Amino acid sequence: MNCESYDWKAYALGELDRPARVEAESHAASCAACRNEIATLRLTPVTDGERTFAEWTAEFDCPPEREAELVTNIGNGVFQGGFDALKRQFGG
């Protein structure tokens, strides 16, 4: 996911709920420093019950001095926000 994929118009008009705003803000903070970002979301059925295993990864280039900060922001902001939204939508 990159900065262009967010609905910044809805953000500016205040139409996003709080979790979506937090996710967008977290990602926007990292956009200026991240280059060549490739994110993958893999969903795999779990054979025991009606469940799905979700794995979300990202690779990107960034200045070495910002790496730890960006990993934390993307992991705790973008990824966790996405997983939380999936739980709200589908239960869990």
C-alpha atoms as a PDB file:
ATOM      1  CA  MET A   1       0.000   0.000   0.000  1.00  0.00           C
ATOM      2  CA  ASN A   2       1.325   3.438  -0.815  1.00  0.00           C
ATOM      3  CA  CYS A   3       0.309   6.978   0.072  1.00  0.00           C
ATOM      4  CA  GLU A   4      -1.709   7.372  -3.114  1.00  0.00           C
ATOM      5  CA  SER A   5      -3.980   4.442  -2.182  1.00  0.00           C
ATOM      6  CA  TYR A   6      -5.593   6.278   0.741  1.00  0.00           C
ATOM      7  CA  ASP A   7      -8.778   8.291   0.321  1.00  0.00           C
ATOM      8  CA  TRP A   8      -7.191  11.557   1.376  1.00  0.00           C
ATOM      9  CA  LYS A   9     -10.317  13.515   0.358  1.00  0.00           C
ATOM     10  CA  ALA A  10     -12.403  11.535   2.878  1.00  0.00           C
ATOM     11  CA  TYR A  11      -9.612  12.072   5.417  1.00  0.00           C
ATOM     12  CA  ALA A  12      -9.607  15.840   4.824  1.00  0.00           C
ATOM     13  CA  LEU A  13     -13.397  16.025   5.079  1.00  0.00           C
ATOM     14  CA  GLY A  14     -13.388  14.092   8.354  1.00  0.00           C
ATOM     15  CA  GLU A  15     -15.333  11.178   6.890  1.00  0.00           C
ATOM     16  CA  LEU A  16     -13.021   8.445   8.200  1.00  0.00           C
ATOM     17  CA  ASP A  17     -13.560   6.772  11.557  1.00  0.00           C
ATOM     18  CA  ARG A  18     -10.853   7.114  14.177  1.00  0.00           C
ATOM     19  CA  PRO A  19      -9.035   3.829  13.429  1.00  0.00           C
ATOM     20  CA  ALA A  20      -8.897   4.688   9.718  1.00  0.00           C
ATOM     21  CA  ARG A  21      -7.564   8.190  10.490  1.00  0.00           C
ATOM     22  CA  VAL A  22      -4.876   6.802  12.803  1.00  0.00           C
ATOM     23  CA  GLU A  23      -3.835   4.291  10.141  1.00  0.00           C
ATOM     24  CA  ALA A  24      -3.669   6.954   7.429  1.00  0.00           C
ATOM     25  CA  GLU A  25      -1.694   9.343   9.632  1.00  0.00           C
ATOM     26  CA  SER A  26       0.766   6.644  10.612  1.00  0.00           C
ATOM     27  CA  HIS A  27       1.299   5.630   7.019  1.00  0.00           C
ATOM     28  CA  ALA A  28       1.583   9.229   5.823  1.00  0.00           C
ATOM     29  CA  ALA A  29       4.347   9.856   8.352  1.00  0.00           C
ATOM     30  CA  SER A  30       6.340   7.020   6.883  1.00  0.00           C
ATOM     31  CA  CYS A  31       5.594   7.756   3.197  1.00  0.00           C
ATOM     32  CA  ALA A  32       8.182  10.462   2.841  1.00  0.00           C
ATOM     33  CA  ALA A  33      10.930   8.125   4.007  1.00  0.00           C
ATOM     34  CA  CYS A  34       9.829   4.858   2.347  1.00  0.00           C
ATOM     35  CA  ARG A  35      10.742   4.045  -1.226  1.00  0.00           C
ATOM     36  CA  ASN A  36      10.096   0.966  -3.342  1.00  0.00           C
ATOM     37  CA  GLU A  37       7.493  -0.356  -0.909  1.00  0.00           C
ATOM     38  CA  ILE A  38       6.013  -3.755  -1.715  1.00  0.00           C
ATOM     39  CA  ALA A  39       3.348  -5.039   0.675  1.00  0.00           C
ATOM     40  CA  THR A  40       1.741  -8.463   0.570  1.00  0.00           C
ATOM     41  CA  LEU A  41      -1.345  -9.660   2.432  1.00  0.00           C
ATOM     42  CA  ARG A  42      -1.719 -13.445   2.364  1.00  0.00           C
ATOM     43  CA  LEU A  43      -4.895 -15.115   3.673  1.00  0.00           C
ATOM     44  CA  THR A  44      -4.744 -18.879   4.248  1.00  0.00           C
ATOM     45  CA  PRO A  45      -7.677 -21.050   5.344  1.00  0.00           C
ATOM     46  CA  VAL A  46      -7.204 -22.818   8.676  1.00  0.00           C
ATOM     47  CA  THR A  47      -8.362 -26.446   8.455  1.00  0.00           C
ATOM     48  CA  ASP A  48      -9.588 -26.511  12.068  1.00  0.00           C
ATOM     49  CA  GLY A  49     -12.810 -24.471  12.041  1.00  0.00           C
ATOM     50  CA  GLU A  50     -14.045 -21.485  10.119  1.00  0.00           C
ATOM     51  CA  ARG A  51     -10.900 -19.409  10.518  1.00  0.00           C
ATOM     52  CA  THR A  52      -8.267 -17.771   8.346  1.00  0.00           C
ATOM     53  CA  PHE A  53      -4.588 -17.126   9.007  1.00  0.00           C
ATOM     54  CA  ALA A  54      -3.524 -13.640   7.866  1.00  0.00           C
ATOM     55  CA  GLU A  55       0.093 -12.758   7.130  1.00  0.00           C
ATOM     56  CA  TRP A  56       0.983  -9.195   6.092  1.00  0.00           C
ATOM     57  CA  THR A  57       4.530  -8.326   5.090  1.00  0.00           C
ATOM     58  CA  ALA A  58       6.258  -5.330   3.564  1.00  0.00           C
ATOM     59  CA  GLU A  59       9.646  -4.603   2.113  1.00  0.00           C
ATOM     60  CA  PHE A  60      10.877  -1.081   1.495  1.00  0.00           C
ATOM     61  CA  ASP A  61      13.968   1.045   1.201  1.00  0.00           C
ATOM     62  CA  CYS A  62      14.537   3.794   3.742  1.00  0.00           C
ATOM     63  CA  PRO A  63      17.321   5.763   5.395  1.00  0.00           C
ATOM     64  CA  PRO A  64      19.086   3.469   7.895  1.00  0.00           C
ATOM     65  CA  GLU A  65      18.579   5.934  10.737  1.00  0.00           C
ATOM     66  CA  ARG A  66      14.772   5.738  10.291  1.00  0.00           C
ATOM     67  CA  GLU A  67      14.445   1.971   9.847  1.00  0.00           C
ATOM     68  CA  ALA A  68      13.457   1.068  13.426  1.00  0.00           C
ATOM     69  CA  GLU A  69      10.939   3.925  13.616  1.00  0.00           C
ATOM     70  CA  LEU A  70       9.356   3.037  10.273  1.00  0.00           C
ATOM     71  CA  VAL A  71       9.129  -0.667  11.081  1.00  0.00           C
ATOM     72  CA  THR A  72       7.332   0.203  14.312  1.00  0.00           C
ATOM     73  CA  ASN A  73       5.002   2.739  12.642  1.00  0.00           C
ATOM     74  CA  ILE A  74       4.077   0.442   9.791  1.00  0.00           C
ATOM     75  CA  GLY A  75       3.697  -2.617  12.027  1.00  0.00           C
ATOM     76  CA  ASN A  76       1.751  -0.978  14.827  1.00  0.00           C
ATOM     77  CA  GLY A  77      -0.087   1.599  12.747  1.00  0.00           C
ATOM     78  CA  VAL A  78      -0.767   0.295   9.275  1.00  0.00           C
ATOM     79  CA  PHE A  79      -0.713  -3.470   9.759  1.00  0.00           C
ATOM     80  CA  GLN A  80      -2.380  -3.573  13.163  1.00  0.00           C
ATOM     81  CA  GLY A  81      -4.975  -1.061  11.991  1.00  0.00           C
ATOM     82  CA  GLY A  82      -5.739  -3.291   9.021  1.00  0.00           C
ATOM     83  CA  PHE A  83      -6.002  -6.424  11.160  1.00  0.00           C
ATOM     84  CA  ASP A  84      -8.263  -4.591  13.617  1.00  0.00           C
ATOM     85  CA  ALA A  85     -10.511  -3.505  10.739  1.00  0.00           C
ATOM     86  CA  LEU A  86     -10.715  -7.105   9.492  1.00  0.00           C
ATOM     87  CA  LYS A  87     -11.716  -8.269  12.977  1.00  0.00           C
ATOM     88  CA  ARG A  88     -14.433  -5.599  13.164  1.00  0.00           C
ATOM     89  CA  GLN A  89     -15.747  -6.540   9.748  1.00  0.00           C
ATOM     90  CA  PHE A  90     -15.612 -10.333  10.019  1.00  0.00           C
ATOM     91  CA  GLY A  91     -15.455 -11.035  13.760  1.00  0.00           C
ATOM     92  CA  GLY A  92     -12.712 -12.729  15.658  1.00  0.00           C
END
